Amino acid sequence: MSVRLPKGSRITGEGRKDLAAALVERYERGESIRSMAQDIGRSYGFVHGVLVESGVKMRSRGGATRGAAAEARRAAVTKG
């Protein structure tokens, strides 16, 4: 995605639905909320809120940082 949103602008309607769909896809591929927030120029809370609003089942904190699971997650994130 990598499109920085104007700081402080409201995102509503179709624009919000499109953004939510893109964020959900990235999150389900394993990308972190923090990295998505930095990428689009919004806060962690904003991205988290959009994901919750979209009905995403949130991962537990931390995630896999070592071993095969972590390698698989990193590979999935860099593929997309």
N, C-alpha and C. Protein backbone atom coordinates (compact mmCIF):
# COMPACT_ATOMS: atom_id res chain seq x y z
N MET A 1 0.85 -1.18 0.00
CA MET A 1 0.00 0.00 0.00
C MET A 1 0.88 1.24 0.00
N SER A 2 1.57 1.50 1.06
CA SER A 2 2.58 2.55 1.13
C SER A 2 2.12 3.95 0.72
N VAL A 3 0.85 4.25 0.87
CA VAL A 3 0.35 5.59 0.57
C VAL A 3 0.17 6.30 1.90
N ARG A 4 0.91 7.38 2.09
CA ARG A 4 0.79 8.12 3.34
C ARG A 4 -0.47 8.97 3.29
N LEU A 5 -1.26 8.85 4.32
CA LEU A 5 -2.52 9.59 4.39
C LEU A 5 -2.27 10.97 4.96
N PRO A 6 -3.02 11.95 4.52
CA PRO A 6 -2.85 13.30 5.07
C PRO A 6 -3.10 13.30 6.57
N LYS A 7 -2.17 13.88 7.31
CA LYS A 7 -2.25 13.87 8.77
C LYS A 7 -3.52 14.58 9.24
N GLY A 8 -4.26 13.89 10.10
CA GLY A 8 -5.45 14.47 10.70
C GLY A 8 -6.70 14.46 9.84
N SER A 9 -6.58 13.97 8.61
CA SER A 9 -7.76 13.96 7.74
C SER A 9 -8.70 12.81 8.13
N ARG A 10 -9.98 13.04 7.94
CA ARG A 10 -10.97 11.99 8.22
C ARG A 10 -11.04 11.07 7.01
N ILE A 11 -11.14 9.79 7.31
CA ILE A 11 -11.24 8.81 6.25
C ILE A 11 -12.58 8.11 6.44
N THR A 12 -13.50 8.34 5.50
CA THR A 12 -14.85 7.83 5.62
C THR A 12 -15.29 7.17 4.33
N GLY A 13 -16.45 6.53 4.38
CA GLY A 13 -17.06 5.96 3.19
C GLY A 13 -16.22 4.91 2.50
N GLU A 14 -16.20 4.99 1.17
CA GLU A 14 -15.48 4.00 0.37
C GLU A 14 -13.98 4.02 0.64
N GLY A 15 -13.43 5.20 0.88
CA GLY A 15 -12.01 5.31 1.19
C GLY A 15 -11.63 4.52 2.43
N ARG A 16 -12.49 4.58 3.44
CA ARG A 16 -12.23 3.84 4.68
C ARG A 16 -12.38 2.34 4.46
N LYS A 17 -13.39 1.96 3.66
CA LYS A 17 -13.58 0.53 3.37
C LYS A 17 -12.38 -0.03 2.61
N ASP A 18 -11.87 0.73 1.64
CA ASP A 18 -10.71 0.30 0.87
C ASP A 18 -9.48 0.19 1.76
N LEU A 19 -9.28 1.20 2.61
CA LEU A 19 -8.15 1.18 3.53
C LEU A 19 -8.26 -0.01 4.47
N ALA A 20 -9.45 -0.23 5.03
CA ALA A 20 -9.66 -1.34 5.96
C ALA A 20 -9.36 -2.67 5.28
N ALA A 21 -9.81 -2.85 4.06
CA ALA A 21 -9.57 -4.11 3.34
C ALA A 21 -8.07 -4.34 3.15
N ALA A 22 -7.35 -3.28 2.80
CA ALA A 22 -5.91 -3.40 2.59
C ALA A 22 -5.19 -3.71 3.91
N LEU A 23 -5.60 -3.04 4.98
CA LEU A 23 -4.96 -3.28 6.28
C LEU A 23 -5.26 -4.68 6.80
N VAL A 24 -6.49 -5.14 6.61
CA VAL A 24 -6.85 -6.50 7.04
C VAL A 24 -6.00 -7.53 6.30
N GLU A 25 -5.85 -7.35 5.00
CA GLU A 25 -5.04 -8.27 4.21
C GLU A 25 -3.60 -8.31 4.71
N ARG A 26 -3.03 -7.15 4.95
CA ARG A 26 -1.64 -7.07 5.43
C ARG A 26 -1.51 -7.71 6.80
N TYR A 27 -2.47 -7.44 7.69
CA TYR A 27 -2.43 -7.98 9.05
C TYR A 27 -2.54 -9.51 9.01
N GLU A 28 -3.42 -10.02 8.17
CA GLU A 28 -3.59 -11.47 8.07
C GLU A 28 -2.40 -12.16 7.45
N ARG A 29 -1.59 -11.42 6.68
CA ARG A 29 -0.33 -11.98 6.16
C ARG A 29 0.76 -11.97 7.21
N GLY A 30 0.52 -11.31 8.34
CA GLY A 30 1.48 -11.34 9.44
C GLY A 30 2.17 -10.02 9.73
N GLU A 31 1.85 -8.98 9.01
CA GLU A 31 2.50 -7.69 9.24
C GLU A 31 2.01 -7.09 10.57
N SER A 32 2.87 -6.38 11.24
CA SER A 32 2.51 -5.80 12.54
C SER A 32 1.70 -4.51 12.37
N ILE A 33 0.90 -4.24 13.36
CA ILE A 33 0.12 -3.00 13.37
C ILE A 33 1.05 -1.81 13.35
N ARG A 34 2.11 -1.89 14.13
CA ARG A 34 3.06 -0.78 14.22
C ARG A 34 3.69 -0.47 12.87
N SER A 35 4.08 -1.50 12.12
CA SER A 35 4.72 -1.24 10.82
C SER A 35 3.72 -0.67 9.81
N MET A 36 2.47 -1.15 9.86
CA MET A 36 1.46 -0.60 8.96
C MET A 36 1.17 0.85 9.29
N ALA A 37 1.09 1.16 10.58
CA ALA A 37 0.82 2.54 11.01
C ALA A 37 1.93 3.47 10.52
N GLN A 38 3.16 3.05 10.68
CA GLN A 38 4.29 3.86 10.23
C GLN A 38 4.24 4.04 8.71
N ASP A 39 3.89 2.99 8.01
CA ASP A 39 3.85 3.00 6.55
C ASP A 39 2.82 4.00 6.02
N ILE A 40 1.64 4.05 6.64
CA ILE A 40 0.58 4.93 6.13
C ILE A 40 0.54 6.29 6.83
N GLY A 41 1.40 6.48 7.81
CA GLY A 41 1.48 7.78 8.48
C GLY A 41 0.37 8.03 9.48
N ARG A 42 -0.13 6.97 10.08
CA ARG A 42 -1.17 7.08 11.10
C ARG A 42 -0.69 6.43 12.38
N SER A 43 -1.48 6.59 13.45
CA SER A 43 -1.09 6.05 14.74
C SER A 43 -1.41 4.56 14.84
N TYR A 44 -0.76 3.93 15.80
CA TYR A 44 -1.04 2.54 16.13
C TYR A 44 -2.52 2.39 16.46
N GLY A 45 -3.05 3.30 17.26
CA GLY A 45 -4.44 3.25 17.68
C GLY A 45 -5.41 3.33 16.52
N PHE A 46 -5.10 4.15 15.55
CA PHE A 46 -5.95 4.28 14.37
C PHE A 46 -6.01 2.95 13.62
N VAL A 47 -4.85 2.37 13.34
CA VAL A 47 -4.80 1.11 12.59
C VAL A 47 -5.49 0.00 13.39
N HIS A 48 -5.22 -0.08 14.67
CA HIS A 48 -5.85 -1.08 15.53
C HIS A 48 -7.37 -0.92 15.49
N GLY A 49 -7.83 0.31 15.59
CA GLY A 49 -9.26 0.59 15.55
C GLY A 49 -9.91 0.15 14.26
N VAL A 50 -9.26 0.42 13.14
CA VAL A 50 -9.79 0.02 11.84
C VAL A 50 -9.87 -1.51 11.75
N LEU A 51 -8.85 -2.19 12.25
CA LEU A 51 -8.85 -3.66 12.22
C LEU A 51 -9.97 -4.23 13.09
N VAL A 52 -10.13 -3.69 14.29
CA VAL A 52 -11.19 -4.16 15.19
C VAL A 52 -12.56 -3.89 14.57
N GLU A 53 -12.71 -2.71 14.02
CA GLU A 53 -13.96 -2.31 13.34
C GLU A 53 -14.29 -3.28 12.20
N SER A 54 -13.26 -3.83 11.59
CA SER A 54 -13.44 -4.75 10.46
C SER A 54 -13.70 -6.19 10.91
N GLY A 55 -13.65 -6.43 12.22
CA GLY A 55 -13.94 -7.76 12.74
C GLY A 55 -12.78 -8.73 12.71
N VAL A 56 -11.57 -8.23 12.63
CA VAL A 56 -10.39 -9.09 12.58
C VAL A 56 -10.14 -9.71 13.95
N LYS A 57 -9.78 -11.00 13.96
CA LYS A 57 -9.38 -11.65 15.20
C LYS A 57 -7.93 -11.25 15.45
N MET A 58 -7.72 -10.53 16.54
CA MET A 58 -6.40 -10.01 16.83
C MET A 58 -5.46 -11.11 17.33
N ARG A 59 -4.20 -11.02 16.92
CA ARG A 59 -3.18 -11.95 17.41
C ARG A 59 -2.79 -11.57 18.82
N SER A 60 -2.20 -12.53 19.53
CA SER A 60 -1.68 -12.21 20.85
C SER A 60 -0.43 -11.36 20.69
N ARG A 61 -0.04 -10.70 21.74
CA ARG A 61 1.13 -9.83 21.67
C ARG A 61 2.41 -10.61 21.46
N GLY A 62 3.35 -10.01 20.78
CA GLY A 62 4.68 -10.58 20.65
C GLY A 62 4.91 -11.35 19.37
N GLY A 63 4.10 -12.35 19.12
CA GLY A 63 4.28 -13.15 17.91
C GLY A 63 5.55 -13.98 17.96
N ALA A 64 5.79 -14.75 16.93
CA ALA A 64 6.98 -15.60 16.84
C ALA A 64 8.17 -14.72 16.48
N THR A 65 9.21 -14.81 17.27
CA THR A 65 10.41 -14.02 16.98
C THR A 65 11.61 -14.88 16.63
N ARG A 66 11.48 -16.19 16.84
CA ARG A 66 12.59 -17.10 16.55
C ARG A 66 12.07 -18.36 15.88
N GLY A 67 12.97 -19.06 15.25
CA GLY A 67 12.64 -20.37 14.72
C GLY A 67 11.88 -20.35 13.41
N ALA A 68 11.36 -21.52 13.08
CA ALA A 68 10.69 -21.72 11.79
C ALA A 68 9.45 -20.86 11.64
N ALA A 69 8.69 -20.70 12.72
CA ALA A 69 7.45 -19.90 12.65
C ALA A 69 7.77 -18.45 12.31
N ALA A 70 8.81 -17.92 12.91
CA ALA A 70 9.20 -16.53 12.64
C ALA A 70 9.70 -16.37 11.21
N GLU A 71 10.47 -17.32 10.74
CA GLU A 71 10.97 -17.27 9.36
C GLU A 71 9.81 -17.32 8.37
N ALA A 72 8.84 -18.18 8.63
CA ALA A 72 7.68 -18.29 7.74
C ALA A 72 6.89 -16.99 7.72
N ARG A 73 6.72 -16.38 8.89
CA ARG A 73 5.98 -15.12 8.96
C ARG A 73 6.70 -14.01 8.22
N ARG A 74 8.01 -13.90 8.41
CA ARG A 74 8.78 -12.87 7.72
C ARG A 74 8.73 -13.08 6.20
N ALA A 75 8.82 -14.33 5.77
CA ALA A 75 8.76 -14.63 4.33
C ALA A 75 7.40 -14.24 3.75
N ALA A 76 6.34 -14.51 4.49
CA ALA A 76 4.99 -14.16 4.02
C ALA A 76 4.81 -12.66 3.91
N VAL A 77 5.36 -11.92 4.86
CA VAL A 77 5.22 -10.46 4.86
C VAL A 77 6.00 -9.84 3.71
N THR A 78 7.19 -10.34 3.44
CA THR A 78 8.01 -9.75 2.39
C THR A 78 7.55 -10.15 0.99
N LYS A 79 6.79 -11.24 0.88
CA LYS A 79 6.27 -11.67 -0.43
C LYS A 79 5.25 -10.68 -0.98
N GLY A 80 4.36 -10.20 -0.10
CA GLY A 80 3.24 -9.37 -0.53
C GLY A 80 3.65 -8.03 -0.89
